[in-house]
Amino acid sequence: MSYKTPVAWVVTEEHEGHAVVVFHKNGLAARRIGSSQMDREFEETDVSRAKLFDDLLGKPITAQDYLDRFWWKECESCYKHISIDDEPIVDNENGNVFCNAECKRKHEETNERINYN
């Protein structure tokens, strides 16, 4: 399906449960772009309209935007799936999401050790 102006599409792959939002006029073109972004073959992905993201056209999509639209994200420290209901700590500056303050502290300590060496 094609539209006169770009709209939001969600491109998904089932192997690892990843998904990306792509803005384009055409669903097949969005699928091609999303497949490439996830490093997947076209045949390994699906595409569907994502009307919840249409208002973000031309803007960067933040971790908070995903959570506000009922997507889950992975904790940057322990890799647990987190939804908005979990009241996560979101750092939109670098896109990180954490379960709690302890996970954020561990992640920051690890990064400091890596950057210090």
C-alpha atoms as a PDB file:
ATOM      1  CA  MET A   1       0.000   0.000   0.000  1.00  0.00           C
ATOM      2  CA  SER A   2       1.242   3.499  -0.827  1.00  0.00           C
ATOM      3  CA  TYR A   3       0.464   6.859   0.753  1.00  0.00           C
ATOM      4  CA  LYS A   4       0.972  10.399  -0.558  1.00  0.00           C
ATOM      5  CA  THR A   5       3.153  11.344   2.409  1.00  0.00           C
ATOM      6  CA  PRO A   6       5.442   9.208   4.596  1.00  0.00           C
ATOM      7  CA  VAL A   7       3.765   7.253   7.381  1.00  0.00           C
ATOM      8  CA  ALA A   8       5.104   4.996  10.128  1.00  0.00           C
ATOM      9  CA  TRP A   9       5.629   1.294   9.500  1.00  0.00           C
ATOM     10  CA  VAL A  10       6.889  -1.325  11.928  1.00  0.00           C
ATOM     11  CA  VAL A  11       9.240  -3.917  10.463  1.00  0.00           C
ATOM     12  CA  THR A  12       9.631  -7.055  12.569  1.00  0.00           C
ATOM     13  CA  GLU A  13      11.710 -10.207  12.537  1.00  0.00           C
ATOM     14  CA  GLU A  14      10.879 -13.260  14.610  1.00  0.00           C
ATOM     15  CA  HIS A  15      14.316 -14.807  15.191  1.00  0.00           C
ATOM     16  CA  GLU A  16      15.354 -12.425  17.948  1.00  0.00           C
ATOM     17  CA  GLY A  17      12.139 -10.444  18.418  1.00  0.00           C
ATOM     18  CA  HIS A  18      13.560  -7.196  17.052  1.00  0.00           C
ATOM     19  CA  ALA A  19      11.549  -4.467  15.377  1.00  0.00           C
ATOM     20  CA  VAL A  20      12.200  -1.031  13.918  1.00  0.00           C
ATOM     21  CA  VAL A  21       9.965   1.860  12.954  1.00  0.00           C
ATOM     22  CA  VAL A  22      10.478   3.198   9.438  1.00  0.00           C
ATOM     23  CA  PHE A  23       8.823   6.230   7.840  1.00  0.00           C
ATOM     24  CA  HIS A  24       8.035   5.839   4.156  1.00  0.00           C
ATOM     25  CA  LYS A  25       5.206   6.242   1.650  1.00  0.00           C
ATOM     26  CA  ASN A  26       5.283   2.563   0.718  1.00  0.00           C
ATOM     27  CA  GLY A  27       5.137  -0.519   2.958  1.00  0.00           C
ATOM     28  CA  LEU A  28       7.395  -2.688   0.793  1.00  0.00           C
ATOM     29  CA  ALA A  29      10.036   0.024   0.647  1.00  0.00           C
ATOM     30  CA  ALA A  30       9.777   0.409   4.440  1.00  0.00           C
ATOM     31  CA  ARG A  31      10.219  -3.353   4.805  1.00  0.00           C
ATOM     32  CA  ARG A  32      13.343  -3.258   2.634  1.00  0.00           C
ATOM     33  CA  ILE A  33      14.816  -0.420   4.727  1.00  0.00           C
ATOM     34  CA  GLY A  34      13.892  -2.068   8.032  1.00  0.00           C
ATOM     35  CA  SER A  35      15.320  -5.415   6.928  1.00  0.00           C
ATOM     36  CA  SER A  36      18.598  -3.719   6.120  1.00  0.00           C
ATOM     37  CA  GLN A  37      18.648  -1.867   9.467  1.00  0.00           C
ATOM     38  CA  MET A  38      18.241  -5.174  11.319  1.00  0.00           C
ATOM     39  CA  ASP A  39      20.732  -6.954   9.042  1.00  0.00           C
ATOM     40  CA  ARG A  40      18.068  -9.444   7.904  1.00  0.00           C
ATOM     41  CA  GLU A  41      17.007 -10.739   4.521  1.00  0.00           C
ATOM     42  CA  PHE A  42      13.797  -9.226   3.144  1.00  0.00           C
ATOM     43  CA  GLU A  43      12.050 -12.618   3.383  1.00  0.00           C
ATOM     44  CA  GLU A  44      12.828 -12.839   7.120  1.00  0.00           C
ATOM     45  CA  THR A  45      10.785  -9.741   7.965  1.00  0.00           C
ATOM     46  CA  ASP A  46       7.200  -8.537   8.026  1.00  0.00           C
ATOM     47  CA  VAL A  47       5.797  -5.032   7.810  1.00  0.00           C
ATOM     48  CA  SER A  48       2.640  -3.424   9.157  1.00  0.00           C
ATOM     49  CA  ARG A  49       1.344   0.089   9.692  1.00  0.00           C
ATOM     50  CA  ALA A  50       2.325   1.747  12.967  1.00  0.00           C
ATOM     51  CA  LYS A  51      -0.146   4.619  13.290  1.00  0.00           C
ATOM     52  CA  LEU A  52       0.930   5.231  16.894  1.00  0.00           C
ATOM     53  CA  PHE A  53       4.233   6.598  15.573  1.00  0.00           C
ATOM     54  CA  ASP A  54       2.882   8.838  12.783  1.00  0.00           C
ATOM     55  CA  ASP A  55       3.177  11.925  14.983  1.00  0.00           C
ATOM     56  CA  LEU A  56       6.958  11.408  15.202  1.00  0.00           C
ATOM     57  CA  LEU A  57       7.639  11.851  11.481  1.00  0.00           C
ATOM     58  CA  GLY A  58      10.843  13.843  11.066  1.00  0.00           C
ATOM     59  CA  LYS A  59      11.824  13.472  14.730  1.00  0.00           C
ATOM     60  CA  PRO A  60      14.183  11.011  16.370  1.00  0.00           C
ATOM     61  CA  ILE A  61      12.293   8.222  18.145  1.00  0.00           C
ATOM     62  CA  THR A  62      13.495   7.959  21.743  1.00  0.00           C
ATOM     63  CA  ALA A  63      13.383   5.011  24.121  1.00  0.00           C
ATOM     64  CA  GLN A  64      10.638   6.844  26.023  1.00  0.00           C
ATOM     65  CA  ASP A  65       8.597   7.139  22.803  1.00  0.00           C
ATOM     66  CA  TYR A  66       8.708   3.356  22.389  1.00  0.00           C
ATOM     67  CA  LEU A  67       7.754   2.721  26.012  1.00  0.00           C
ATOM     68  CA  ASP A  68       4.912   5.265  25.842  1.00  0.00           C
ATOM     69  CA  ARG A  69       3.504   3.316  22.901  1.00  0.00           C
ATOM     70  CA  PHE A  70       3.539   0.023  24.831  1.00  0.00           C
ATOM     71  CA  TRP A  71       6.696  -1.469  23.377  1.00  0.00           C
ATOM     72  CA  TRP A  72       9.225  -3.174  25.624  1.00  0.00           C
ATOM     73  CA  LYS A  73      12.907  -2.368  25.782  1.00  0.00           C
ATOM     74  CA  GLU A  74      15.838  -4.321  27.228  1.00  0.00           C
ATOM     75  CA  CYS A  75      17.572  -3.210  30.406  1.00  0.00           C
ATOM     76  CA  GLU A  76      21.042  -2.092  29.364  1.00  0.00           C
ATOM     77  CA  SER A  77      22.543  -3.871  32.371  1.00  0.00           C
ATOM     78  CA  CYS A  78      20.682  -7.151  33.018  1.00  0.00           C
ATOM     79  CA  TYR A  79      18.845  -7.507  29.648  1.00  0.00           C
ATOM     80  CA  LYS A  80      15.435  -7.994  31.268  1.00  0.00           C
ATOM     81  CA  HIS A  81      12.461  -6.945  29.138  1.00  0.00           C
ATOM     82  CA  ILE A  82      11.006  -3.728  30.533  1.00  0.00           C
ATOM     83  CA  SER A  83       7.669  -2.090  29.781  1.00  0.00           C
ATOM     84  CA  ILE A  84       6.282   1.263  30.848  1.00  0.00           C
ATOM     85  CA  ASP A  85       4.454  -0.565  33.665  1.00  0.00           C
ATOM     86  CA  ASP A  86       7.838  -1.444  35.213  1.00  0.00           C
ATOM     87  CA  GLU A  87       8.553   2.278  35.748  1.00  0.00           C
ATOM     88  CA  PRO A  88      11.982   2.094  34.123  1.00  0.00           C
ATOM     89  CA  ILE A  89      14.776   4.632  34.319  1.00  0.00           C
ATOM     90  CA  VAL A  90      15.141   6.072  30.809  1.00  0.00           C
ATOM     91  CA  ASP A  91      18.179   7.983  29.609  1.00  0.00           C
ATOM     92  CA  ASN A  92      16.974   9.481  26.340  1.00  0.00           C
ATOM     93  CA  GLU A  93      20.310  11.198  25.767  1.00  0.00           C
ATOM     94  CA  ASN A  94      21.972   7.896  24.897  1.00  0.00           C
ATOM     95  CA  GLY A  95      18.913   5.654  24.490  1.00  0.00           C
ATOM     96  CA  ASN A  96      19.588   3.465  27.521  1.00  0.00           C
ATOM     97  CA  VAL A  97      16.794   1.953  29.604  1.00  0.00           C
ATOM     98  CA  PHE A  98      17.301   0.399  33.038  1.00  0.00           C
ATOM     99  CA  CYS A  99      15.090  -1.684  35.365  1.00  0.00           C
ATOM    100  CA  ASN A 100      16.114   0.300  38.405  1.00  0.00           C
ATOM    101  CA  ALA A 101      18.810   2.502  39.907  1.00  0.00           C
ATOM    102  CA  GLU A 102      20.976  -0.513  40.807  1.00  0.00           C
ATOM    103  CA  CYS A 103      21.140  -1.688  37.184  1.00  0.00           C
ATOM    104  CA  LYS A 104      21.981   1.845  36.050  1.00  0.00           C
ATOM    105  CA  ARG A 105      24.768   2.099  38.653  1.00  0.00           C
ATOM    106  CA  LYS A 106      26.260  -1.268  37.588  1.00  0.00           C
ATOM    107  CA  HIS A 107      26.191  -0.244  33.938  1.00  0.00           C
ATOM    108  CA  GLU A 108      27.886   3.089  34.671  1.00  0.00           C
ATOM    109  CA  GLU A 109      30.570   1.397  36.800  1.00  0.00           C
ATOM    110  CA  THR A 110      31.281  -1.110  34.031  1.00  0.00           C
ATOM    111  CA  ASN A 111      31.588   1.679  31.463  1.00  0.00           C
ATOM    112  CA  GLU A 112      33.922   3.632  33.752  1.00  0.00           C
ATOM    113  CA  ARG A 113      36.191   0.585  34.155  1.00  0.00           C
ATOM    114  CA  ILE A 114      36.242  -0.017  30.405  1.00  0.00           C
ATOM    115  CA  ASN A 115      36.944   3.639  29.621  1.00  0.00           C
ATOM    116  CA  TYR A 116      39.570   3.910  32.357  1.00  0.00           C
ATOM    117  CA  ASN A 117      41.653   1.012  31.017  1.00  0.00           C
END
